[in-house]
């Protein structure tokens, strides 16, 4: 096999997974600024800003966790900085 099989299945609004990943990555600086300014961002705010696209929403949370933020859980649906 010469290369990995890159699925080009279209998700919501006809975007591929790679396009959704790029959009989620580009939204993270704005969310980080909001977290720094307000101390937290609610999951509902993120969902609204990604236009209710579930894949971008999940990728955004994944990248915020990767960048060192506490993404909360079902009891605490908010993203904030880890406290030491």
C-alpha atoms as a PDB file:
ATOM      1  CA  UNK A   1       0.000   0.000   0.000  1.00  0.00           C
ATOM      2  CA  UNK A   2       1.519   3.288  -1.103  1.00  0.00           C
ATOM      3  CA  UNK A   3      -0.427   5.707   1.071  1.00  0.00           C
ATOM      4  CA  UNK A   4      -3.018   5.925   3.776  1.00  0.00           C
ATOM      5  CA  UNK A   5      -6.636   5.928   2.747  1.00  0.00           C
ATOM      6  CA  UNK A   6      -7.812   9.517   3.264  1.00  0.00           C
ATOM      7  CA  UNK A   7     -11.579   9.508   3.457  1.00  0.00           C
ATOM      8  CA  UNK A   8     -13.151  12.380   1.588  1.00  0.00           C
ATOM      9  CA  UNK A   9     -16.633  11.856   2.986  1.00  0.00           C
ATOM     10  CA  UNK A  10     -18.470  15.146   3.261  1.00  0.00           C
ATOM     11  CA  UNK A  11     -19.707  16.111   6.714  1.00  0.00           C
ATOM     12  CA  UNK A  12     -22.096  18.929   7.552  1.00  0.00           C
ATOM     13  CA  UNK A  13     -22.226  21.701   4.937  1.00  0.00           C
ATOM     14  CA  UNK A  14     -20.165  19.577   2.524  1.00  0.00           C
ATOM     15  CA  UNK A  15     -16.864  19.953   4.416  1.00  0.00           C
ATOM     16  CA  UNK A  16     -14.328  17.152   4.542  1.00  0.00           C
ATOM     17  CA  UNK A  17     -12.700  16.078   7.807  1.00  0.00           C
ATOM     18  CA  UNK A  18      -9.500  17.946   6.921  1.00  0.00           C
ATOM     19  CA  UNK A  19     -11.425  21.152   6.276  1.00  0.00           C
ATOM     20  CA  UNK A  20     -13.306  20.746   9.561  1.00  0.00           C
ATOM     21  CA  UNK A  21     -10.025  20.187  11.384  1.00  0.00           C
ATOM     22  CA  UNK A  22      -8.543  23.357   9.866  1.00  0.00           C
ATOM     23  CA  UNK A  23     -11.630  25.382  10.835  1.00  0.00           C
ATOM     24  CA  UNK A  24     -11.503  24.088  14.422  1.00  0.00           C
ATOM     25  CA  UNK A  25      -7.792  24.883  14.633  1.00  0.00           C
ATOM     26  CA  UNK A  26      -8.384  28.426  13.334  1.00  0.00           C
ATOM     27  CA  UNK A  27     -11.137  29.090  15.913  1.00  0.00           C
ATOM     28  CA  UNK A  28      -9.000  28.133  18.919  1.00  0.00           C
ATOM     29  CA  UNK A  29      -7.062  31.419  19.234  1.00  0.00           C
ATOM     30  CA  UNK A  30     -10.372  33.273  19.643  1.00  0.00           C
ATOM     31  CA  UNK A  31     -11.558  30.845  22.295  1.00  0.00           C
ATOM     32  CA  UNK A  32      -8.232  31.112  24.131  1.00  0.00           C
ATOM     33  CA  UNK A  33      -8.599  34.915  24.167  1.00  0.00           C
ATOM     34  CA  UNK A  34     -12.124  34.588  25.573  1.00  0.00           C
ATOM     35  CA  UNK A  35     -10.929  32.210  28.276  1.00  0.00           C
ATOM     36  CA  UNK A  36      -8.121  34.585  29.239  1.00  0.00           C
ATOM     37  CA  UNK A  37     -10.534  37.545  29.368  1.00  0.00           C
ATOM     38  CA  UNK A  38     -13.546  35.939  31.090  1.00  0.00           C
ATOM     39  CA  UNK A  39     -11.909  33.000  32.863  1.00  0.00           C
ATOM     40  CA  UNK A  40     -14.084  30.437  31.117  1.00  0.00           C
ATOM     41  CA  UNK A  41     -16.153  29.701  28.004  1.00  0.00           C
ATOM     42  CA  UNK A  42     -19.338  27.663  28.163  1.00  0.00           C
ATOM     43  CA  UNK A  43     -19.834  24.696  25.847  1.00  0.00           C
ATOM     44  CA  UNK A  44     -23.015  26.323  24.531  1.00  0.00           C
ATOM     45  CA  UNK A  45     -21.029  29.405  23.487  1.00  0.00           C
ATOM     46  CA  UNK A  46     -18.598  27.222  21.545  1.00  0.00           C
ATOM     47  CA  UNK A  47     -21.453  25.319  19.911  1.00  0.00           C
ATOM     48  CA  UNK A  48     -23.092  28.572  18.852  1.00  0.00           C
ATOM     49  CA  UNK A  49     -19.876  30.000  17.398  1.00  0.00           C
ATOM     50  CA  UNK A  50     -19.190  26.865  15.334  1.00  0.00           C
ATOM     51  CA  UNK A  51     -22.724  27.129  13.910  1.00  0.00           C
ATOM     52  CA  UNK A  52     -23.878  23.882  15.562  1.00  0.00           C
ATOM     53  CA  UNK A  53     -21.451  21.766  13.518  1.00  0.00           C
ATOM     54  CA  UNK A  54     -20.851  18.799  15.824  1.00  0.00           C
ATOM     55  CA  UNK A  55     -17.568  17.700  14.259  1.00  0.00           C
ATOM     56  CA  UNK A  56     -15.977  21.155  14.509  1.00  0.00           C
ATOM     57  CA  UNK A  57     -17.339  21.475  18.060  1.00  0.00           C
ATOM     58  CA  UNK A  58     -15.730  18.209  19.162  1.00  0.00           C
ATOM     59  CA  UNK A  59     -12.454  19.007  17.425  1.00  0.00           C
ATOM     60  CA  UNK A  60     -12.404  22.450  19.043  1.00  0.00           C
ATOM     61  CA  UNK A  61     -12.765  20.894  22.505  1.00  0.00           C
ATOM     62  CA  UNK A  62     -10.083  18.341  21.649  1.00  0.00           C
ATOM     63  CA  UNK A  63      -7.626  21.060  20.586  1.00  0.00           C
ATOM     64  CA  UNK A  64      -8.373  23.189  23.657  1.00  0.00           C
ATOM     65  CA  UNK A  65      -7.617  20.166  25.864  1.00  0.00           C
ATOM     66  CA  UNK A  66      -4.416  19.587  23.882  1.00  0.00           C
ATOM     67  CA  UNK A  67      -3.432  23.223  24.496  1.00  0.00           C
ATOM     68  CA  UNK A  68      -3.712  22.790  28.265  1.00  0.00           C
ATOM     69  CA  UNK A  69      -7.270  23.815  29.105  1.00  0.00           C
ATOM     70  CA  UNK A  70      -9.730  21.981  31.329  1.00  0.00           C
ATOM     71  CA  UNK A  71     -12.680  21.206  29.050  1.00  0.00           C
ATOM     72  CA  UNK A  72     -14.935  20.157  31.919  1.00  0.00           C
ATOM     73  CA  UNK A  73     -17.504  17.359  31.831  1.00  0.00           C
ATOM     74  CA  UNK A  74     -21.266  16.848  31.687  1.00  0.00           C
ATOM     75  CA  UNK A  75     -21.671  18.305  35.180  1.00  0.00           C
ATOM     76  CA  UNK A  76     -19.408  21.311  34.519  1.00  0.00           C
ATOM     77  CA  UNK A  77     -19.931  22.211  30.820  1.00  0.00           C
ATOM     78  CA  UNK A  78     -17.263  24.889  30.532  1.00  0.00           C
ATOM     79  CA  UNK A  79     -13.697  25.343  29.344  1.00  0.00           C
ATOM     80  CA  UNK A  80     -11.240  27.061  31.668  1.00  0.00           C
ATOM     81  CA  UNK A  81      -7.568  27.169  32.506  1.00  0.00           C
ATOM     82  CA  UNK A  82      -6.177  24.433  34.732  1.00  0.00           C
ATOM     83  CA  UNK A  83      -5.565  25.688  38.242  1.00  0.00           C
ATOM     84  CA  UNK A  84      -2.458  24.536  40.029  1.00  0.00           C
END
